[in-house]
């Protein structure tokens, strides 16, 4: 990575982060997209997130077709005014953070290998889903591991911590599913895994981003210590289409 520090890189356009789901599913992750008109979504076993290029009622019309009667999804960004026949199933206020300082530090650093960190494979899917179900870092389904590179730390055969890549807007990759088994908290696993995942992102010439709930102050402080800064507030809203 030291050689990369000598290369001048062009900063990616942050505007794509205003609509991260749509930018990801019409860009690098288009092969994972389900589409109907302006609306896009991941397969439900991969992620519940949906997006649209249109505002207001037009967006919800296409989303209704995409989700089907009483279908549900999760919107990330500035919520659109919801039609009266739709239902809001949850709302989480959070922060979108960008790791420019972390990226600069990693570009200037020599590659070091953390001997405890392993690359997770499809054979680890059940263990990944179990850990995410118990620790609840955010939406995680049976096929979420298909979104990108996931790394973990094991104690014997048990997966006790992990982090990986989720949405991939052009020029950026989101770090997600950062979680540690309760019995192993306080050992610095989350920070080490986030840095390791970020190193792979930076090696591709991209910038790491992440999203965190606004009331998770411990995580916000950890990410700021690692070199992330808050770009903006962001709202995650669960939506359910009408019958």
C-alpha atoms as a PDB file:
ATOM      1  CA  UNK A   1       0.000   0.000   0.000  1.00  0.00           C
ATOM      2  CA  UNK A   2       3.006   2.262   0.338  1.00  0.00           C
ATOM      3  CA  UNK A   3       3.315   2.500  -3.447  1.00  0.00           C
ATOM      4  CA  UNK A   4      -0.283   3.671  -3.653  1.00  0.00           C
ATOM      5  CA  UNK A   5       0.553   6.599  -1.417  1.00  0.00           C
ATOM      6  CA  UNK A   6       2.656   8.042  -4.236  1.00  0.00           C
ATOM      7  CA  UNK A   7      -0.282   8.039  -6.656  1.00  0.00           C
ATOM      8  CA  UNK A   8      -2.591  11.012  -6.905  1.00  0.00           C
ATOM      9  CA  UNK A   9      -6.201   9.846  -6.833  1.00  0.00           C
ATOM     10  CA  UNK A  10      -9.287  11.761  -7.902  1.00  0.00           C
ATOM     11  CA  UNK A  11     -11.827  12.118  -5.109  1.00  0.00           C
ATOM     12  CA  UNK A  12     -15.104  10.386  -5.993  1.00  0.00           C
ATOM     13  CA  UNK A  13     -18.285  12.441  -6.245  1.00  0.00           C
ATOM     14  CA  UNK A  14     -19.976  12.463  -2.844  1.00  0.00           C
ATOM     15  CA  UNK A  15     -23.353  13.263  -4.447  1.00  0.00           C
ATOM     16  CA  UNK A  16     -23.914   9.539  -5.012  1.00  0.00           C
ATOM     17  CA  UNK A  17     -24.060   9.133  -1.225  1.00  0.00           C
ATOM     18  CA  UNK A  18     -27.269  11.172  -1.058  1.00  0.00           C
ATOM     19  CA  UNK A  19     -29.109   8.142  -2.507  1.00  0.00           C
ATOM     20  CA  UNK A  20     -26.786   5.243  -1.638  1.00  0.00           C
ATOM     21  CA  UNK A  21     -29.198   2.389  -2.391  1.00  0.00           C
ATOM     22  CA  UNK A  22     -30.169   3.678  -5.834  1.00  0.00           C
ATOM     23  CA  UNK A  23     -26.553   4.564  -6.668  1.00  0.00           C
ATOM     24  CA  UNK A  24     -25.380   1.083  -5.689  1.00  0.00           C
ATOM     25  CA  UNK A  25     -28.131  -0.830  -7.493  1.00  0.00           C
ATOM     26  CA  UNK A  26     -27.774   1.154 -10.716  1.00  0.00           C
ATOM     27  CA  UNK A  27     -23.966   0.992 -10.590  1.00  0.00           C
ATOM     28  CA  UNK A  28     -21.553  -1.642  -9.306  1.00  0.00           C
ATOM     29  CA  UNK A  29     -24.295  -3.831  -7.834  1.00  0.00           C
ATOM     30  CA  UNK A  30     -26.733  -3.645 -10.745  1.00  0.00           C
ATOM     31  CA  UNK A  31     -26.382  -7.413 -11.168  1.00  0.00           C
ATOM     32  CA  UNK A  32     -28.078  -7.808  -7.771  1.00  0.00           C
ATOM     33  CA  UNK A  33     -30.946  -5.409  -8.532  1.00  0.00           C
ATOM     34  CA  UNK A  34     -34.621  -6.152  -8.917  1.00  0.00           C
ATOM     35  CA  UNK A  35     -36.279  -3.331 -10.846  1.00  0.00           C
ATOM     36  CA  UNK A  36     -39.706  -1.944 -11.653  1.00  0.00           C
ATOM     37  CA  UNK A  37     -39.759   1.391 -13.431  1.00  0.00           C
ATOM     38  CA  UNK A  38     -37.733   3.820 -11.329  1.00  0.00           C
ATOM     39  CA  UNK A  39     -37.685   1.539  -8.273  1.00  0.00           C
ATOM     40  CA  UNK A  40     -34.837  -0.798  -7.394  1.00  0.00           C
ATOM     41  CA  UNK A  41     -34.341  -3.314  -4.612  1.00  0.00           C
ATOM     42  CA  UNK A  42     -32.049  -6.066  -3.460  1.00  0.00           C
ATOM     43  CA  UNK A  43     -33.307  -9.625  -3.271  1.00  0.00           C
ATOM     44  CA  UNK A  44     -34.900  -9.953   0.176  1.00  0.00           C
ATOM     45  CA  UNK A  45     -32.468 -12.705   1.209  1.00  0.00           C
ATOM     46  CA  UNK A  46     -29.598 -10.272   0.510  1.00  0.00           C
ATOM     47  CA  UNK A  47     -30.929  -6.990   1.911  1.00  0.00           C
ATOM     48  CA  UNK A  48     -34.276  -5.252   2.559  1.00  0.00           C
ATOM     49  CA  UNK A  49     -33.134  -1.920   1.081  1.00  0.00           C
ATOM     50  CA  UNK A  50     -35.064  -0.282  -1.751  1.00  0.00           C
ATOM     51  CA  UNK A  51     -34.572   2.965  -3.654  1.00  0.00           C
ATOM     52  CA  UNK A  52     -35.941   5.129  -6.430  1.00  0.00           C
ATOM     53  CA  UNK A  53     -34.803   7.887  -8.758  1.00  0.00           C
ATOM     54  CA  UNK A  54     -38.151   9.682  -8.554  1.00  0.00           C
ATOM     55  CA  UNK A  55     -39.696  11.882  -5.857  1.00  0.00           C
ATOM     56  CA  UNK A  56     -42.966  11.459  -4.002  1.00  0.00           C
ATOM     57  CA  UNK A  57     -45.978   9.625  -5.378  1.00  0.00           C
ATOM     58  CA  UNK A  58     -44.248   8.451  -8.561  1.00  0.00           C
ATOM     59  CA  UNK A  59     -41.570   6.698  -6.518  1.00  0.00           C
ATOM     60  CA  UNK A  60     -44.138   4.934  -4.350  1.00  0.00           C
ATOM     61  CA  UNK A  61     -46.150   3.811  -7.374  1.00  0.00           C
ATOM     62  CA  UNK A  62     -43.128   1.978  -8.763  1.00  0.00           C
ATOM     63  CA  UNK A  63     -42.182   0.684  -5.305  1.00  0.00           C
ATOM     64  CA  UNK A  64     -45.694  -0.731  -4.861  1.00  0.00           C
ATOM     65  CA  UNK A  65     -45.314  -2.694  -8.085  1.00  0.00           C
ATOM     66  CA  UNK A  66     -41.862  -3.873  -7.075  1.00  0.00           C
ATOM     67  CA  UNK A  67     -42.762  -4.921  -3.524  1.00  0.00           C
ATOM     68  CA  UNK A  68     -46.226  -6.303  -4.229  1.00  0.00           C
ATOM     69  CA  UNK A  69     -49.311  -6.056  -1.981  1.00  0.00           C
ATOM     70  CA  UNK A  70     -48.301  -5.486   1.664  1.00  0.00           C
ATOM     71  CA  UNK A  71     -44.660  -5.921   0.654  1.00  0.00           C
ATOM     72  CA  UNK A  72     -42.024  -4.293   2.831  1.00  0.00           C
ATOM     73  CA  UNK A  73     -38.708  -2.581   2.293  1.00  0.00           C
ATOM     74  CA  UNK A  74     -36.248  -0.197   3.919  1.00  0.00           C
ATOM     75  CA  UNK A  75     -35.480   3.272   2.546  1.00  0.00           C
ATOM     76  CA  UNK A  76     -32.172   4.980   3.344  1.00  0.00           C
ATOM     77  CA  UNK A  77     -31.810   8.726   2.927  1.00  0.00           C
ATOM     78  CA  UNK A  78     -34.161  11.656   3.268  1.00  0.00           C
ATOM     79  CA  UNK A  79     -37.616  10.046   3.518  1.00  0.00           C
ATOM     80  CA  UNK A  80     -40.055  10.895   0.750  1.00  0.00           C
ATOM     81  CA  UNK A  81     -43.544  12.018   1.774  1.00  0.00           C
ATOM     82  CA  UNK A  82     -45.402   8.728   2.210  1.00  0.00           C
ATOM     83  CA  UNK A  83     -48.849   8.203   0.635  1.00  0.00           C
ATOM     84  CA  UNK A  84     -51.618   7.732   3.193  1.00  0.00           C
ATOM     85  CA  UNK A  85     -52.259   4.115   2.206  1.00  0.00           C
ATOM     86  CA  UNK A  86     -48.639   3.115   2.978  1.00  0.00           C
ATOM     87  CA  UNK A  87     -47.463   2.126   6.473  1.00  0.00           C
ATOM     88  CA  UNK A  88     -44.262   3.159   8.218  1.00  0.00           C
ATOM     89  CA  UNK A  89     -42.939   0.071  10.060  1.00  0.00           C
ATOM     90  CA  UNK A  90     -39.868   1.630  11.697  1.00  0.00           C
ATOM     91  CA  UNK A  91     -37.734   4.774  11.699  1.00  0.00           C
ATOM     92  CA  UNK A  92     -34.095   5.055  12.737  1.00  0.00           C
ATOM     93  CA  UNK A  93     -32.247   8.357  12.783  1.00  0.00           C
ATOM     94  CA  UNK A  94     -28.540   7.957  12.186  1.00  0.00           C
ATOM     95  CA  UNK A  95     -25.347   9.273  10.680  1.00  0.00           C
ATOM     96  CA  UNK A  96     -23.641   8.666   7.369  1.00  0.00           C
ATOM     97  CA  UNK A  97     -19.891   8.671   7.980  1.00  0.00           C
ATOM     98  CA  UNK A  98     -17.065   8.868   5.460  1.00  0.00           C
ATOM     99  CA  UNK A  99     -13.538   7.607   6.059  1.00  0.00           C
ATOM    100  CA  UNK A 100     -11.382  10.020   4.101  1.00  0.00           C
ATOM    101  CA  UNK A 101      -8.836  10.404   6.913  1.00  0.00           C
ATOM    102  CA  UNK A 102      -8.727   6.612   7.341  1.00  0.00           C
ATOM    103  CA  UNK A 103      -8.238   6.155   3.595  1.00  0.00           C
ATOM    104  CA  UNK A 104      -5.349   8.613   3.559  1.00  0.00           C
ATOM    105  CA  UNK A 105      -3.707   6.835   6.482  1.00  0.00           C
ATOM    106  CA  UNK A 106      -4.102   3.418   4.881  1.00  0.00           C
ATOM    107  CA  UNK A 107      -2.739   4.637   1.541  1.00  0.00           C
ATOM    108  CA  UNK A 108       0.372   5.866   3.326  1.00  0.00           C
ATOM    109  CA  UNK A 109       0.840   2.686   5.372  1.00  0.00           C
ATOM    110  CA  UNK A 110       2.641  -0.564   4.659  1.00  0.00           C
ATOM    111  CA  UNK A 111       0.483  -3.662   4.383  1.00  0.00           C
ATOM    112  CA  UNK A 112       0.275  -5.578   7.646  1.00  0.00           C
ATOM    113  CA  UNK A 113      -1.571  -8.843   8.120  1.00  0.00           C
ATOM    114  CA  UNK A 114      -3.599  -9.399  11.268  1.00  0.00           C
ATOM    115  CA  UNK A 115      -3.107 -13.115  11.972  1.00  0.00           C
ATOM    116  CA  UNK A 116      -6.430 -13.453  13.804  1.00  0.00           C
ATOM    117  CA  UNK A 117      -8.551 -12.075  10.946  1.00  0.00           C
ATOM    118  CA  UNK A 118      -9.843 -14.549   8.371  1.00  0.00           C
ATOM    119  CA  UNK A 119     -11.763 -14.122   5.121  1.00  0.00           C
ATOM    120  CA  UNK A 120     -15.270 -15.547   5.406  1.00  0.00           C
ATOM    121  CA  UNK A 121     -16.663 -17.706   2.614  1.00  0.00           C
ATOM    122  CA  UNK A 122     -20.070 -19.130   1.665  1.00  0.00           C
ATOM    123  CA  UNK A 123     -19.274 -22.020   3.994  1.00  0.00           C
ATOM    124  CA  UNK A 124     -19.503 -19.510   6.864  1.00  0.00           C
ATOM    125  CA  UNK A 125     -22.966 -18.219   5.904  1.00  0.00           C
ATOM    126  CA  UNK A 126     -24.821 -19.988   8.714  1.00  0.00           C
ATOM    127  CA  UNK A 127     -22.338 -18.796  11.354  1.00  0.00           C
ATOM    128  CA  UNK A 128     -22.485 -15.229   9.972  1.00  0.00           C
ATOM    129  CA  UNK A 129     -26.278 -15.190  10.077  1.00  0.00           C
ATOM    130  CA  UNK A 130     -26.274 -16.619  13.609  1.00  0.00           C
ATOM    131  CA  UNK A 131     -23.823 -13.977  14.884  1.00  0.00           C
ATOM    132  CA  UNK A 132     -25.749 -11.153  13.209  1.00  0.00           C
ATOM    133  CA  UNK A 133     -29.073 -12.451  14.560  1.00  0.00           C
ATOM    134  CA  UNK A 134     -27.703 -12.485  18.102  1.00  0.00           C
ATOM    135  CA  UNK A 135     -25.897  -9.130  17.992  1.00  0.00           C
ATOM    136  CA  UNK A 136     -28.252  -7.201  15.652  1.00  0.00           C
ATOM    137  CA  UNK A 137     -25.813  -4.896  13.819  1.00  0.00           C
ATOM    138  CA  UNK A 138     -28.486  -4.161  11.224  1.00  0.00           C
ATOM    139  CA  UNK A 139     -30.329  -6.037   8.477  1.00  0.00           C
ATOM    140  CA  UNK A 140     -28.560  -9.310   7.680  1.00  0.00           C
ATOM    141  CA  UNK A 141     -30.028 -12.149   5.655  1.00  0.00           C
ATOM    142  CA  UNK A 142     -28.994 -15.590   4.443  1.00  0.00           C
ATOM    143  CA  UNK A 143     -27.311 -14.136   1.326  1.00  0.00           C
ATOM    144  CA  UNK A 144     -25.980 -10.830   2.676  1.00  0.00           C
ATOM    145  CA  UNK A 145     -22.457 -12.208   2.355  1.00  0.00           C
ATOM    146  CA  UNK A 146     -22.807 -11.968  -1.425  1.00  0.00           C
ATOM    147  CA  UNK A 147     -22.597  -8.161  -1.216  1.00  0.00           C
ATOM    148  CA  UNK A 148     -18.836  -8.079  -0.796  1.00  0.00           C
ATOM    149  CA  UNK A 149     -15.848  -9.189   1.235  1.00  0.00           C
ATOM    150  CA  UNK A 150     -16.526 -10.252   4.822  1.00  0.00           C
ATOM    151  CA  UNK A 151     -13.854 -10.776   7.453  1.00  0.00           C
ATOM    152  CA  UNK A 152     -14.102 -12.439  10.839  1.00  0.00           C
ATOM    153  CA  UNK A 153     -12.348 -13.500  14.001  1.00  0.00           C
ATOM    154  CA  UNK A 154     -12.830 -16.974  15.416  1.00  0.00           C
ATOM    155  CA  UNK A 155     -12.295 -18.586  18.785  1.00  0.00           C
ATOM    156  CA  UNK A 156     -11.695 -22.167  17.786  1.00  0.00           C
ATOM    157  CA  UNK A 157     -14.528 -23.026  15.404  1.00  0.00           C
ATOM    158  CA  UNK A 158     -16.831 -20.276  16.706  1.00  0.00           C
ATOM    159  CA  UNK A 159     -17.209 -17.015  14.754  1.00  0.00           C
ATOM    160  CA  UNK A 160     -17.090 -14.308  17.434  1.00  0.00           C
ATOM    161  CA  UNK A 161     -16.745 -11.071  15.429  1.00  0.00           C
ATOM    162  CA  UNK A 162     -17.120  -9.891  11.843  1.00  0.00           C
ATOM    163  CA  UNK A 163     -17.422  -6.927   9.508  1.00  0.00           C
ATOM    164  CA  UNK A 164     -17.889  -6.678   5.757  1.00  0.00           C
ATOM    165  CA  UNK A 165     -18.970  -4.729   2.692  1.00  0.00           C
ATOM    166  CA  UNK A 166     -22.570  -3.867   1.844  1.00  0.00           C
ATOM    167  CA  UNK A 167     -23.640  -1.059  -0.517  1.00  0.00           C
ATOM    168  CA  UNK A 168     -21.228  -0.039  -3.242  1.00  0.00           C
ATOM    169  CA  UNK A 169     -22.036   3.420  -4.683  1.00  0.00           C
ATOM    170  CA  UNK A 170     -19.524   4.471  -7.369  1.00  0.00           C
ATOM    171  CA  UNK A 171     -16.214   5.383  -5.733  1.00  0.00           C
ATOM    172  CA  UNK A 172     -17.271   4.207  -2.275  1.00  0.00           C
ATOM    173  CA  UNK A 173     -17.950   0.995  -0.384  1.00  0.00           C
ATOM    174  CA  UNK A 174     -20.010   0.778   2.776  1.00  0.00           C
ATOM    175  CA  UNK A 175     -18.654  -1.141   5.757  1.00  0.00           C
ATOM    176  CA  UNK A 176     -21.459  -2.952   7.546  1.00  0.00           C
ATOM    177  CA  UNK A 177     -22.383  -5.870   9.830  1.00  0.00           C
ATOM    178  CA  UNK A 178     -19.768  -4.765  12.373  1.00  0.00           C
ATOM    179  CA  UNK A 179     -20.573  -7.010  15.319  1.00  0.00           C
ATOM    180  CA  UNK A 180     -18.980  -8.910  18.196  1.00  0.00           C
ATOM    181  CA  UNK A 181     -20.348 -11.685  20.370  1.00  0.00           C
ATOM    182  CA  UNK A 182     -21.241 -10.223  23.788  1.00  0.00           C
ATOM    183  CA  UNK A 183     -18.735 -12.491  25.550  1.00  0.00           C
ATOM    184  CA  UNK A 184     -15.872 -11.064  23.445  1.00  0.00           C
ATOM    185  CA  UNK A 185     -16.618  -7.338  23.611  1.00  0.00           C
ATOM    186  CA  UNK A 186     -13.903  -4.989  24.831  1.00  0.00           C
ATOM    187  CA  UNK A 187     -11.069  -6.755  23.004  1.00  0.00           C
ATOM    188  CA  UNK A 188     -10.804  -4.286  20.112  1.00  0.00           C
ATOM    189  CA  UNK A 189     -12.145  -6.715  17.522  1.00  0.00           C
ATOM    190  CA  UNK A 190     -14.523  -4.203  15.894  1.00  0.00           C
ATOM    191  CA  UNK A 191     -11.820  -1.612  15.245  1.00  0.00           C
ATOM    192  CA  UNK A 192      -9.398  -4.182  13.843  1.00  0.00           C
ATOM    193  CA  UNK A 193     -12.018  -5.626  11.519  1.00  0.00           C
ATOM    194  CA  UNK A 194     -13.188  -2.224  10.278  1.00  0.00           C
ATOM    195  CA  UNK A 195      -9.589  -1.265   9.464  1.00  0.00           C
ATOM    196  CA  UNK A 196      -8.995  -4.559   7.673  1.00  0.00           C
ATOM    197  CA  UNK A 197     -12.144  -4.222   5.579  1.00  0.00           C
ATOM    198  CA  UNK A 198     -11.282  -0.577   4.851  1.00  0.00           C
ATOM    199  CA  UNK A 199      -7.786  -1.577   3.706  1.00  0.00           C
ATOM    200  CA  UNK A 200      -9.300  -3.749   0.973  1.00  0.00           C
ATOM    201  CA  UNK A 201     -11.603  -0.907  -0.087  1.00  0.00           C
ATOM    202  CA  UNK A 202      -8.759   1.607  -0.238  1.00  0.00           C
ATOM    203  CA  UNK A 203      -6.596  -0.854  -2.194  1.00  0.00           C
ATOM    204  CA  UNK A 204      -9.280  -0.717  -4.937  1.00  0.00           C
ATOM    205  CA  UNK A 205      -8.982   3.076  -5.047  1.00  0.00           C
ATOM    206  CA  UNK A 206     -12.272   3.654  -3.225  1.00  0.00           C
ATOM    207  CA  UNK A 207     -13.272   5.424  -0.006  1.00  0.00           C
ATOM    208  CA  UNK A 208     -14.930   3.583   2.907  1.00  0.00           C
ATOM    209  CA  UNK A 209     -18.245   4.814   4.265  1.00  0.00           C
ATOM    210  CA  UNK A 210     -20.605   3.495   6.903  1.00  0.00           C
ATOM    211  CA  UNK A 211     -23.938   4.176   8.550  1.00  0.00           C
ATOM    212  CA  UNK A 212     -24.580   4.121  12.278  1.00  0.00           C
ATOM    213  CA  UNK A 213     -27.603   4.715  14.487  1.00  0.00           C
ATOM    214  CA  UNK A 214     -27.525   8.154  16.059  1.00  0.00           C
ATOM    215  CA  UNK A 215     -27.918   6.819  19.597  1.00  0.00           C
ATOM    216  CA  UNK A 216     -24.998   4.371  19.249  1.00  0.00           C
ATOM    217  CA  UNK A 217     -22.515   6.859  20.659  1.00  0.00           C
ATOM    218  CA  UNK A 218     -19.879   4.251  21.448  1.00  0.00           C
ATOM    219  CA  UNK A 219     -19.745   3.170  17.814  1.00  0.00           C
ATOM    220  CA  UNK A 220     -19.658   6.798  16.606  1.00  0.00           C
ATOM    221  CA  UNK A 221     -16.679   7.499  18.865  1.00  0.00           C
ATOM    222  CA  UNK A 222     -14.880   4.356  17.643  1.00  0.00           C
ATOM    223  CA  UNK A 223     -15.396   5.277  13.991  1.00  0.00           C
ATOM    224  CA  UNK A 224     -14.231   8.839  14.558  1.00  0.00           C
ATOM    225  CA  UNK A 225     -11.112   7.491  16.286  1.00  0.00           C
ATOM    226  CA  UNK A 226     -10.432   5.281  13.254  1.00  0.00           C
ATOM    227  CA  UNK A 227     -10.658   8.245  10.862  1.00  0.00           C
ATOM    228  CA  UNK A 228     -14.320   8.566   9.882  1.00  0.00           C
ATOM    229  CA  UNK A 229     -16.222  11.836  10.068  1.00  0.00           C
ATOM    230  CA  UNK A 230     -19.943  12.518   9.960  1.00  0.00           C
ATOM    231  CA  UNK A 231     -21.002  13.577   6.479  1.00  0.00           C
ATOM    232  CA  UNK A 232     -24.703  14.047   7.228  1.00  0.00           C
ATOM    233  CA  UNK A 233     -27.625  12.764   9.207  1.00  0.00           C
ATOM    234  CA  UNK A 234     -29.584   9.987   7.510  1.00  0.00           C
ATOM    235  CA  UNK A 235     -32.937   8.358   8.184  1.00  0.00           C
ATOM    236  CA  UNK A 236     -33.770   4.704   7.711  1.00  0.00           C
ATOM    237  CA  UNK A 237     -37.490   4.082   7.263  1.00  0.00           C
ATOM    238  CA  UNK A 238     -39.336   0.794   6.953  1.00  0.00           C
ATOM    239  CA  UNK A 239     -42.160   0.993   4.436  1.00  0.00           C
ATOM    240  CA  UNK A 240     -45.056  -1.359   3.750  1.00  0.00           C
ATOM    241  CA  UNK A 241     -47.052  -1.190   0.537  1.00  0.00           C
ATOM    242  CA  UNK A 242     -50.856  -1.103   0.651  1.00  0.00           C
ATOM    243  CA  UNK A 243     -52.981  -4.210   0.180  1.00  0.00           C
END
